[in-house]
Amino acid sequence: MTAAIKTDKLKRFKNLEFILGVLLVGGIGLAVIFSGWLFPGGGSELNLAYRLTPPLVEPGFPLGTDPLGRDVLARVIIGGEISLKVGVYSALGAVVIGIIMGLVSGYYGGFLDMIVMRFADVQLALPFILLAITFIAVIGGGLTNMIILLIISQWVQYARLVRGSVLSLRDREFILAAKAIGVKDIRILFQHLLPNLIGPVIVLMTLNVANNILLESSLTFLGLGVDPVIPSWGGMLAEGRTYLQTAWWVSVFPGLAILLTVLGLNLLGDWLRDALDPTGRTSL
């Protein structure tokens, strides 16, 4: 009886976790999608007469204004578009490359597997900040280069995850049967193997979107990310650090946006992990 009650409470908690994650991510996503309609000026209108206005003081600026008189609410919502683009696009790129490399490496094995895995080991041994500084110094900053940098740094995680799953599946009966009747390798890889390992990949991708948002914000805060002219959460944090004691809202609200977005994505990731693997044996 006690075990049944505990199981019921756990299910309720997981459902609450899912609902909260959907509300957070969905709400921020909808605000970002309609940001162009909500704020036609792009949050870049200067109004020096209202510079550093506190929240809820002026009707047109519910979250206050920054040192140039720009609406903090508008810039937070529009900045979310950049952060979400970086998070989602870089995760998708890493997933595509990682799945292909992991499938090929795990299925064929041999010398190809050794080359891919040794390259992955070298990249994993390289600190991300060193990779980021080197990449940006050689290639340059900007939104596109930031996405490419995150793809380069994260495809290895998916490749190793997929390879491990393929190694455990390639000698199973359904794969041997497909080979016996002459099914082509590419069909075996993407029609028979991929559907059986996509669950953990989706979970890892969800968590990595959140991680990518944090990385983008951190690099932009350090001046290594998105162009400062473009509104982004990391850039707003960097702009507001000078005014923390006199105008806390300039940095606090972008920081809260990062916190809530990452929290929502992590809640969805945890829920997906349990939903796709009820036994809790999924290992990332």
C-alpha atoms as a PDB file:
ATOM      1  CA  MET A   1       0.000   0.000   0.000  1.00  0.00           C
ATOM      2  CA  THR A   2       2.775   2.389   0.944  1.00  0.00           C
ATOM      3  CA  ALA A   3       4.659   1.639  -2.277  1.00  0.00           C
ATOM      4  CA  ALA A   4       1.496   2.338  -4.324  1.00  0.00           C
ATOM      5  CA  ILE A   5       1.025   5.698  -2.574  1.00  0.00           C
ATOM      6  CA  LYS A   6       4.637   6.640  -3.223  1.00  0.00           C
ATOM      7  CA  THR A   7       4.281   5.667  -6.899  1.00  0.00           C
ATOM      8  CA  ASP A   8       1.121   7.762  -7.219  1.00  0.00           C
ATOM      9  CA  LYS A   9       2.818  10.772  -5.618  1.00  0.00           C
ATOM     10  CA  LEU A  10       5.791  10.359  -7.955  1.00  0.00           C
ATOM     11  CA  LYS A  11       3.481  10.295 -10.997  1.00  0.00           C
ATOM     12  CA  ARG A  12       1.740  13.454  -9.820  1.00  0.00           C
ATOM     13  CA  PHE A  13       5.082  15.153  -9.298  1.00  0.00           C
ATOM     14  CA  LYS A  14       6.235  14.138 -12.783  1.00  0.00           C
ATOM     15  CA  ASN A  15       2.995  15.454 -14.297  1.00  0.00           C
ATOM     16  CA  LEU A  16       3.463  18.729 -12.439  1.00  0.00           C
ATOM     17  CA  GLU A  17       7.041  18.840 -13.669  1.00  0.00           C
ATOM     18  CA  PHE A  18       5.855  18.414 -17.256  1.00  0.00           C
ATOM     19  CA  ILE A  19       3.141  21.072 -16.942  1.00  0.00           C
ATOM     20  CA  LEU A  20       5.513  23.593 -15.389  1.00  0.00           C
ATOM     21  CA  GLY A  21       8.140  22.925 -18.066  1.00  0.00           C
ATOM     22  CA  VAL A  22       5.597  23.347 -20.874  1.00  0.00           C
ATOM     23  CA  LEU A  23       4.247  26.561 -19.348  1.00  0.00           C
ATOM     24  CA  LEU A  24       7.705  28.081 -18.954  1.00  0.00           C
ATOM     25  CA  VAL A  25       9.088  27.076 -22.357  1.00  0.00           C
ATOM     26  CA  GLY A  26       5.770  27.606 -24.162  1.00  0.00           C
ATOM     27  CA  GLY A  27       5.210  31.027 -22.624  1.00  0.00           C
ATOM     28  CA  ILE A  28       8.687  32.271 -23.447  1.00  0.00           C
ATOM     29  CA  GLY A  29       8.497  30.696 -26.906  1.00  0.00           C
ATOM     30  CA  LEU A  30       5.175  32.393 -27.704  1.00  0.00           C
ATOM     31  CA  ALA A  31       6.482  35.745 -26.483  1.00  0.00           C
ATOM     32  CA  VAL A  32       9.530  35.372 -28.722  1.00  0.00           C
ATOM     33  CA  ILE A  33       7.433  34.312 -31.738  1.00  0.00           C
ATOM     34  CA  PHE A  34       5.163  37.359 -31.437  1.00  0.00           C
ATOM     35  CA  SER A  35       7.943  39.767 -30.391  1.00  0.00           C
ATOM     36  CA  GLY A  36       7.907  41.487 -33.800  1.00  0.00           C
ATOM     37  CA  TRP A  37       4.190  42.209 -33.413  1.00  0.00           C
ATOM     38  CA  LEU A  38       4.463  43.211 -29.763  1.00  0.00           C
ATOM     39  CA  PHE A  39       7.497  45.448 -30.249  1.00  0.00           C
ATOM     40  CA  PRO A  40       7.703  46.666 -33.875  1.00  0.00           C
ATOM     41  CA  GLY A  41      10.720  48.852 -33.109  1.00  0.00           C
ATOM     42  CA  GLY A  42      12.843  45.901 -32.068  1.00  0.00           C
ATOM     43  CA  GLY A  43      13.494  47.296 -28.597  1.00  0.00           C
ATOM     44  CA  SER A  44      16.147  49.661 -29.958  1.00  0.00           C
ATOM     45  CA  GLU A  45      14.297  52.980 -29.649  1.00  0.00           C
ATOM     46  CA  LEU A  46      16.335  55.453 -27.627  1.00  0.00           C
ATOM     47  CA  ASN A  47      14.532  57.678 -25.123  1.00  0.00           C
ATOM     48  CA  LEU A  48      17.125  59.408 -22.967  1.00  0.00           C
ATOM     49  CA  ALA A  49      14.436  61.310 -21.072  1.00  0.00           C
ATOM     50  CA  TYR A  50      13.481  57.987 -19.439  1.00  0.00           C
ATOM     51  CA  ARG A  51      16.948  56.462 -19.001  1.00  0.00           C
ATOM     52  CA  LEU A  52      17.288  54.082 -16.030  1.00  0.00           C
ATOM     53  CA  THR A  53      13.598  54.353 -15.153  1.00  0.00           C
ATOM     54  CA  PRO A  54      12.740  51.788 -12.429  1.00  0.00           C
ATOM     55  CA  PRO A  55      10.102  49.111 -13.061  1.00  0.00           C
ATOM     56  CA  LEU A  56       6.394  50.044 -12.712  1.00  0.00           C
ATOM     57  CA  VAL A  57       7.127  53.767 -12.593  1.00  0.00           C
ATOM     58  CA  GLU A  58       6.228  54.697 -16.188  1.00  0.00           C
ATOM     59  CA  PRO A  59       3.200  53.011 -17.834  1.00  0.00           C
ATOM     60  CA  GLY A  60       5.070  52.268 -21.053  1.00  0.00           C
ATOM     61  CA  PHE A  61       8.007  50.583 -19.322  1.00  0.00           C
ATOM     62  CA  PRO A  62       6.745  47.849 -16.946  1.00  0.00           C
ATOM     63  CA  LEU A  63      10.269  46.431 -16.409  1.00  0.00           C
ATOM     64  CA  GLY A  64      12.029  49.794 -16.540  1.00  0.00           C
ATOM     65  CA  THR A  65      14.589  51.107 -19.017  1.00  0.00           C
ATOM     66  CA  ASP A  66      18.321  50.687 -19.593  1.00  0.00           C
ATOM     67  CA  PRO A  67      21.054  53.396 -19.641  1.00  0.00           C
ATOM     68  CA  LEU A  68      19.942  54.506 -23.120  1.00  0.00           C
ATOM     69  CA  GLY A  69      16.262  54.646 -22.273  1.00  0.00           C
ATOM     70  CA  ARG A  70      15.377  51.434 -24.115  1.00  0.00           C
ATOM     71  CA  ASP A  71      12.513  49.274 -22.877  1.00  0.00           C
ATOM     72  CA  VAL A  72      13.928  46.374 -20.841  1.00  0.00           C
ATOM     73  CA  LEU A  73      10.852  44.189 -21.417  1.00  0.00           C
ATOM     74  CA  ALA A  74      11.117  44.593 -25.195  1.00  0.00           C
ATOM     75  CA  ARG A  75      14.826  43.826 -25.190  1.00  0.00           C
ATOM     76  CA  VAL A  76      14.390  40.756 -22.945  1.00  0.00           C
ATOM     77  CA  ILE A  77      11.741  39.254 -25.239  1.00  0.00           C
ATOM     78  CA  ILE A  78      13.574  40.111 -28.464  1.00  0.00           C
ATOM     79  CA  GLY A  79      16.875  38.951 -26.952  1.00  0.00           C
ATOM     80  CA  GLY A  80      15.206  35.624 -26.245  1.00  0.00           C
ATOM     81  CA  GLU A  81      14.914  35.031 -29.993  1.00  0.00           C
ATOM     82  CA  ILE A  82      18.707  35.114 -30.356  1.00  0.00           C
ATOM     83  CA  SER A  83      19.332  32.878 -27.363  1.00  0.00           C
ATOM     84  CA  LEU A  84      16.699  30.331 -28.417  1.00  0.00           C
ATOM     85  CA  LYS A  85      17.993  30.297 -32.004  1.00  0.00           C
ATOM     86  CA  VAL A  86      21.500  29.562 -30.794  1.00  0.00           C
ATOM     87  CA  GLY A  87      20.277  26.881 -28.396  1.00  0.00           C
ATOM     88  CA  VAL A  88      17.978  25.064 -30.821  1.00  0.00           C
ATOM     89  CA  TYR A  89      19.987  25.384 -34.058  1.00  0.00           C
ATOM     90  CA  SER A  90      23.260  24.313 -32.479  1.00  0.00           C
ATOM     91  CA  ALA A  91      21.602  21.331 -30.778  1.00  0.00           C
ATOM     92  CA  LEU A  92      19.972  20.245 -34.058  1.00  0.00           C
ATOM     93  CA  GLY A  93      23.268  20.540 -35.939  1.00  0.00           C
ATOM     94  CA  ALA A  94      25.114  18.538 -33.294  1.00  0.00           C
ATOM     95  CA  VAL A  95      22.377  15.879 -33.330  1.00  0.00           C
ATOM     96  CA  VAL A  96      22.550  15.404 -37.108  1.00  0.00           C
ATOM     97  CA  ILE A  97      26.357  15.133 -37.193  1.00  0.00           C
ATOM     98  CA  GLY A  98      26.558  13.048 -34.023  1.00  0.00           C
ATOM     99  CA  ILE A  99      23.906  10.563 -35.163  1.00  0.00           C
ATOM    100  CA  ILE A 100      25.576  10.022 -38.540  1.00  0.00           C
ATOM    101  CA  MET A 101      29.043   9.600 -37.042  1.00  0.00           C
ATOM    102  CA  GLY A 102      27.784   7.369 -34.231  1.00  0.00           C
ATOM    103  CA  LEU A 103      25.751   5.132 -36.551  1.00  0.00           C
ATOM    104  CA  VAL A 104      28.586   4.666 -39.040  1.00  0.00           C
ATOM    105  CA  SER A 105      31.235   4.217 -36.360  1.00  0.00           C
ATOM    106  CA  GLY A 106      29.251   1.713 -34.291  1.00  0.00           C
ATOM    107  CA  TYR A 107      27.864  -0.289 -37.208  1.00  0.00           C
ATOM    108  CA  TYR A 108      31.022  -0.730 -39.273  1.00  0.00           C
ATOM    109  CA  GLY A 109      33.566  -0.678 -36.427  1.00  0.00           C
ATOM    110  CA  GLY A 110      37.201  -1.401 -37.226  1.00  0.00           C
ATOM    111  CA  PHE A 111      39.596   1.293 -38.347  1.00  0.00           C
ATOM    112  CA  LEU A 112      36.823   3.845 -39.022  1.00  0.00           C
ATOM    113  CA  ASP A 113      35.484   3.427 -35.498  1.00  0.00           C
ATOM    114  CA  MET A 114      38.956   3.854 -34.029  1.00  0.00           C
ATOM    115  CA  ILE A 115      39.590   7.080 -35.989  1.00  0.00           C
ATOM    116  CA  VAL A 116      36.236   8.648 -35.052  1.00  0.00           C
ATOM    117  CA  MET A 117      36.499   7.733 -31.380  1.00  0.00           C
ATOM    118  CA  ARG A 118      40.105   8.866 -31.004  1.00  0.00           C
ATOM    119  CA  PHE A 119      39.179  12.189 -32.598  1.00  0.00           C
ATOM    120  CA  ALA A 120      36.264  12.409 -30.177  1.00  0.00           C
ATOM    121  CA  ASP A 121      38.573  11.674 -27.225  1.00  0.00           C
ATOM    122  CA  VAL A 122      40.920  14.471 -28.279  1.00  0.00           C
ATOM    123  CA  GLN A 123      38.062  16.937 -28.567  1.00  0.00           C
ATOM    124  CA  LEU A 124      36.622  15.944 -25.197  1.00  0.00           C
ATOM    125  CA  ALA A 125      40.017  16.535 -23.614  1.00  0.00           C
ATOM    126  CA  LEU A 126      40.066  20.108 -24.972  1.00  0.00           C
ATOM    127  CA  PRO A 127      38.506  22.632 -22.552  1.00  0.00           C
ATOM    128  CA  PHE A 128      35.512  24.397 -24.074  1.00  0.00           C
ATOM    129  CA  ILE A 129      36.699  27.895 -23.182  1.00  0.00           C
ATOM    130  CA  LEU A 130      40.038  27.258 -24.905  1.00  0.00           C
ATOM    131  CA  LEU A 131      38.236  25.938 -27.973  1.00  0.00           C
ATOM    132  CA  ALA A 132      35.912  28.957 -27.958  1.00  0.00           C
ATOM    133  CA  ILE A 133      38.719  31.522 -27.630  1.00  0.00           C
ATOM    134  CA  THR A 134      40.745  29.846 -30.392  1.00  0.00           C
ATOM    135  CA  PHE A 135      37.759  29.499 -32.714  1.00  0.00           C
ATOM    136  CA  ILE A 136      36.585  33.095 -32.251  1.00  0.00           C
ATOM    137  CA  ALA A 137      40.134  34.459 -32.618  1.00  0.00           C
ATOM    138  CA  VAL A 138      40.563  32.629 -35.940  1.00  0.00           C
ATOM    139  CA  ILE A 139      37.036  32.684 -37.419  1.00  0.00           C
ATOM    140  CA  GLY A 140      35.467  35.613 -35.581  1.00  0.00           C
ATOM    141  CA  GLY A 141      32.341  36.099 -33.489  1.00  0.00           C
ATOM    142  CA  GLY A 142      28.744  36.548 -34.536  1.00  0.00           C
ATOM    143  CA  LEU A 143      25.538  34.531 -34.394  1.00  0.00           C
ATOM    144  CA  THR A 144      26.389  32.020 -37.136  1.00  0.00           C
ATOM    145  CA  ASN A 145      29.890  31.359 -35.844  1.00  0.00           C
ATOM    146  CA  MET A 146      28.522  30.905 -32.317  1.00  0.00           C
ATOM    147  CA  ILE A 147      26.177  28.188 -33.579  1.00  0.00           C
ATOM    148  CA  ILE A 148      29.016  26.474 -35.487  1.00  0.00           C
ATOM    149  CA  LEU A 149      31.220  26.585 -32.376  1.00  0.00           C
ATOM    150  CA  LEU A 150      28.569  24.895 -30.238  1.00  0.00           C
ATOM    151  CA  ILE A 151      27.965  22.237 -32.902  1.00  0.00           C
ATOM    152  CA  ILE A 152      31.690  21.459 -33.019  1.00  0.00           C
ATOM    153  CA  SER A 153      31.884  21.212 -29.236  1.00  0.00           C
ATOM    154  CA  GLN A 154      28.826  18.965 -28.755  1.00  0.00           C
ATOM    155  CA  TRP A 155      28.485  16.526 -31.662  1.00  0.00           C
ATOM    156  CA  VAL A 156      30.828  14.165 -29.804  1.00  0.00           C
ATOM    157  CA  GLN A 157      28.274  13.582 -27.034  1.00  0.00           C
ATOM    158  CA  TYR A 158      25.672  12.346 -29.503  1.00  0.00           C
ATOM    159  CA  ALA A 159      28.194  10.298 -31.479  1.00  0.00           C
ATOM    160  CA  ARG A 160      29.357   8.407 -28.372  1.00  0.00           C
ATOM    161  CA  LEU A 161      25.779   7.881 -27.157  1.00  0.00           C
ATOM    162  CA  VAL A 162      24.597   6.580 -30.545  1.00  0.00           C
ATOM    163  CA  ARG A 163      27.698   4.424 -31.040  1.00  0.00           C
ATOM    164  CA  GLY A 164      27.190   2.713 -27.695  1.00  0.00           C
ATOM    165  CA  SER A 165      23.577   1.929 -28.536  1.00  0.00           C
ATOM    166  CA  VAL A 166      24.496   0.643 -32.004  1.00  0.00           C
ATOM    167  CA  LEU A 167      27.141  -1.687 -30.551  1.00  0.00           C
ATOM    168  CA  SER A 168      24.482  -3.297 -28.363  1.00  0.00           C
ATOM    169  CA  LEU A 169      21.940  -3.563 -31.204  1.00  0.00           C
ATOM    170  CA  ARG A 170      23.935  -4.528 -34.295  1.00  0.00           C
ATOM    171  CA  ASP A 171      24.098  -8.239 -33.363  1.00  0.00           C
ATOM    172  CA  ARG A 172      20.431  -8.525 -32.395  1.00  0.00           C
ATOM    173  CA  GLU A 173      18.182 -10.915 -34.307  1.00  0.00           C
ATOM    174  CA  PHE A 174      16.221  -8.280 -36.226  1.00  0.00           C
ATOM    175  CA  ILE A 175      19.433  -6.718 -37.586  1.00  0.00           C
ATOM    176  CA  LEU A 176      20.899 -10.108 -38.538  1.00  0.00           C
ATOM    177  CA  ALA A 177      17.612 -10.998 -40.237  1.00  0.00           C
ATOM    178  CA  ALA A 178      17.644  -7.755 -42.210  1.00  0.00           C
ATOM    179  CA  LYS A 179      21.191  -8.475 -43.379  1.00  0.00           C
ATOM    180  CA  ALA A 180      20.249 -12.042 -44.314  1.00  0.00           C
ATOM    181  CA  ILE A 181      17.489 -10.943 -46.684  1.00  0.00           C
ATOM    182  CA  GLY A 182      19.767  -8.414 -48.355  1.00  0.00           C
ATOM    183  CA  VAL A 183      18.602  -5.122 -46.866  1.00  0.00           C
ATOM    184  CA  LYS A 184      21.040  -2.315 -47.698  1.00  0.00           C
ATOM    185  CA  ASP A 185      23.205  -0.889 -44.941  1.00  0.00           C
ATOM    186  CA  ILE A 186      21.775   2.613 -45.194  1.00  0.00           C
ATOM    187  CA  ARG A 187      18.279   1.233 -44.662  1.00  0.00           C
ATOM    188  CA  ILE A 188      19.426  -0.817 -41.695  1.00  0.00           C
ATOM    189  CA  LEU A 189      21.067   2.256 -40.164  1.00  0.00           C
ATOM    190  CA  PHE A 190      18.181   4.689 -40.513  1.00  0.00           C
ATOM    191  CA  GLN A 191      15.126   2.418 -40.567  1.00  0.00           C
ATOM    192  CA  HIS A 192      16.055  -0.356 -38.125  1.00  0.00           C
ATOM    193  CA  LEU A 193      18.732   1.048 -35.787  1.00  0.00           C
ATOM    194  CA  LEU A 194      17.892   4.745 -35.505  1.00  0.00           C
ATOM    195  CA  PRO A 195      14.283   4.355 -34.244  1.00  0.00           C
ATOM    196  CA  ASN A 196      15.554   2.105 -31.445  1.00  0.00           C
ATOM    197  CA  LEU A 197      17.996   4.658 -30.064  1.00  0.00           C
ATOM    198  CA  ILE A 198      16.315   8.000 -30.730  1.00  0.00           C
ATOM    199  CA  GLY A 199      14.824   8.287 -27.214  1.00  0.00           C
ATOM    200  CA  PRO A 200      18.040   9.022 -25.303  1.00  0.00           C
ATOM    201  CA  VAL A 201      19.139  11.335 -28.140  1.00  0.00           C
ATOM    202  CA  ILE A 202      15.980  13.435 -27.765  1.00  0.00           C
ATOM    203  CA  VAL A 203      16.500  13.674 -24.008  1.00  0.00           C
ATOM    204  CA  LEU A 204      20.130  14.721 -24.417  1.00  0.00           C
ATOM    205  CA  MET A 205      19.159  17.270 -27.057  1.00  0.00           C
ATOM    206  CA  THR A 206      16.560  18.855 -24.769  1.00  0.00           C
ATOM    207  CA  LEU A 207      19.112  19.240 -21.993  1.00  0.00           C
ATOM    208  CA  ASN A 208      21.735  20.535 -24.414  1.00  0.00           C
ATOM    209  CA  VAL A 209      19.439  23.278 -25.701  1.00  0.00           C
ATOM    210  CA  ALA A 210      19.363  24.619 -22.143  1.00  0.00           C
ATOM    211  CA  ASN A 211      23.123  24.242 -21.833  1.00  0.00           C
ATOM    212  CA  ASN A 212      23.669  26.041 -25.153  1.00  0.00           C
ATOM    213  CA  ILE A 213      21.608  28.996 -23.978  1.00  0.00           C
ATOM    214  CA  LEU A 214      23.832  29.248 -20.908  1.00  0.00           C
ATOM    215  CA  LEU A 215      26.995  28.962 -23.005  1.00  0.00           C
ATOM    216  CA  GLU A 216      25.825  31.625 -25.461  1.00  0.00           C
ATOM    217  CA  SER A 217      24.929  33.977 -22.619  1.00  0.00           C
ATOM    218  CA  SER A 218      28.266  33.364 -20.890  1.00  0.00           C
ATOM    219  CA  LEU A 219      30.343  33.925 -24.028  1.00  0.00           C
ATOM    220  CA  THR A 220      28.374  37.037 -24.981  1.00  0.00           C
ATOM    221  CA  PHE A 221      28.787  38.350 -21.430  1.00  0.00           C
ATOM    222  CA  LEU A 222      32.562  37.925 -21.864  1.00  0.00           C
ATOM    223  CA  GLY A 223      32.479  39.696 -25.234  1.00  0.00           C
ATOM    224  CA  LEU A 224      33.146  36.510 -27.233  1.00  0.00           C
ATOM    225  CA  GLY A 225      29.655  35.830 -28.532  1.00  0.00           C
ATOM    226  CA  VAL A 226      26.926  37.642 -30.410  1.00  0.00           C
ATOM    227  CA  ASP A 227      27.511  41.159 -31.721  1.00  0.00           C
ATOM    228  CA  PRO A 228      26.773  43.662 -28.892  1.00  0.00           C
ATOM    229  CA  VAL A 229      24.488  45.611 -31.240  1.00  0.00           C
ATOM    230  CA  ILE A 230      22.073  42.644 -31.346  1.00  0.00           C
ATOM    231  CA  PRO A 231      19.889  42.298 -28.215  1.00  0.00           C
ATOM    232  CA  SER A 232      20.702  39.092 -26.349  1.00  0.00           C
ATOM    233  CA  TRP A 233      20.392  37.994 -22.751  1.00  0.00           C
ATOM    234  CA  GLY A 234      24.137  37.676 -22.259  1.00  0.00           C
ATOM    235  CA  GLY A 235      24.732  41.092 -23.810  1.00  0.00           C
ATOM    236  CA  MET A 236      22.128  42.674 -21.545  1.00  0.00           C
ATOM    237  CA  LEU A 237      23.790  41.137 -18.500  1.00  0.00           C
ATOM    238  CA  ALA A 238      27.116  42.582 -19.608  1.00  0.00           C
ATOM    239  CA  GLU A 239      25.605  46.031 -20.192  1.00  0.00           C
ATOM    240  CA  GLY A 240      23.910  46.080 -16.802  1.00  0.00           C
ATOM    241  CA  ARG A 241      26.780  44.910 -14.613  1.00  0.00           C
ATOM    242  CA  THR A 242      27.976  48.521 -14.204  1.00  0.00           C
ATOM    243  CA  TYR A 243      24.584  49.523 -12.804  1.00  0.00           C
ATOM    244  CA  LEU A 244      23.944  46.635 -10.411  1.00  0.00           C
ATOM    245  CA  GLN A 245      23.803  48.915  -7.366  1.00  0.00           C
ATOM    246  CA  THR A 246      21.871  51.771  -8.956  1.00  0.00           C
ATOM    247  CA  ALA A 247      19.729  50.055 -11.624  1.00  0.00           C
ATOM    248  CA  TRP A 248      19.476  46.375 -10.706  1.00  0.00           C
ATOM    249  CA  TRP A 249      16.610  45.711 -13.158  1.00  0.00           C
ATOM    250  CA  VAL A 250      18.864  46.104 -16.208  1.00  0.00           C
ATOM    251  CA  SER A 251      20.641  42.829 -15.342  1.00  0.00           C
ATOM    252  CA  VAL A 252      18.138  41.021 -13.133  1.00  0.00           C
ATOM    253  CA  PHE A 253      15.349  40.590 -15.689  1.00  0.00           C
ATOM    254  CA  PRO A 254      17.575  39.116 -18.440  1.00  0.00           C
ATOM    255  CA  GLY A 255      19.046  36.834 -15.781  1.00  0.00           C
ATOM    256  CA  LEU A 256      15.555  35.732 -14.742  1.00  0.00           C
ATOM    257  CA  ALA A 257      14.695  35.036 -18.394  1.00  0.00           C
ATOM    258  CA  ILE A 258      17.743  32.753 -18.660  1.00  0.00           C
ATOM    259  CA  LEU A 259      16.865  31.064 -15.351  1.00  0.00           C
ATOM    260  CA  LEU A 260      13.240  30.362 -16.290  1.00  0.00           C
ATOM    261  CA  THR A 261      14.048  29.162 -19.813  1.00  0.00           C
ATOM    262  CA  VAL A 262      16.787  26.797 -18.660  1.00  0.00           C
ATOM    263  CA  LEU A 263      14.610  25.573 -15.775  1.00  0.00           C
ATOM    264  CA  GLY A 264      11.730  24.840 -18.155  1.00  0.00           C
ATOM    265  CA  LEU A 265      13.942  22.959 -20.596  1.00  0.00           C
ATOM    266  CA  ASN A 266      15.541  20.924 -17.811  1.00  0.00           C
ATOM    267  CA  LEU A 267      12.115  20.003 -16.426  1.00  0.00           C
ATOM    268  CA  LEU A 268      11.014  18.864 -19.890  1.00  0.00           C
ATOM    269  CA  GLY A 269      14.252  16.926 -20.292  1.00  0.00           C
ATOM    270  CA  ASP A 270      13.754  15.122 -16.981  1.00  0.00           C
ATOM    271  CA  TRP A 271      10.160  14.300 -17.884  1.00  0.00           C
ATOM    272  CA  LEU A 272      11.172  13.000 -21.320  1.00  0.00           C
ATOM    273  CA  ARG A 273      13.878  10.833 -19.768  1.00  0.00           C
ATOM    274  CA  ASP A 274      11.355   9.132 -17.508  1.00  0.00           C
ATOM    275  CA  ALA A 275       8.649   8.951 -20.199  1.00  0.00           C
ATOM    276  CA  LEU A 276      10.938   7.325 -22.763  1.00  0.00           C
ATOM    277  CA  ASP A 277      12.569   5.005 -20.223  1.00  0.00           C
ATOM    278  CA  PRO A 278      10.113   4.226 -17.406  1.00  0.00           C
ATOM    279  CA  THR A 279      12.593   1.895 -15.687  1.00  0.00           C
ATOM    280  CA  GLY A 280      14.996   4.803 -15.153  1.00  0.00           C
ATOM    281  CA  ARG A 281      17.858   2.956 -16.792  1.00  0.00           C
ATOM    282  CA  THR A 282      18.588   5.631 -19.439  1.00  0.00           C
ATOM    283  CA  SER A 283      22.190   6.728 -19.058  1.00  0.00           C
ATOM    284  CA  LEU A 284      23.533   9.870 -20.668  1.00  0.00           C
END
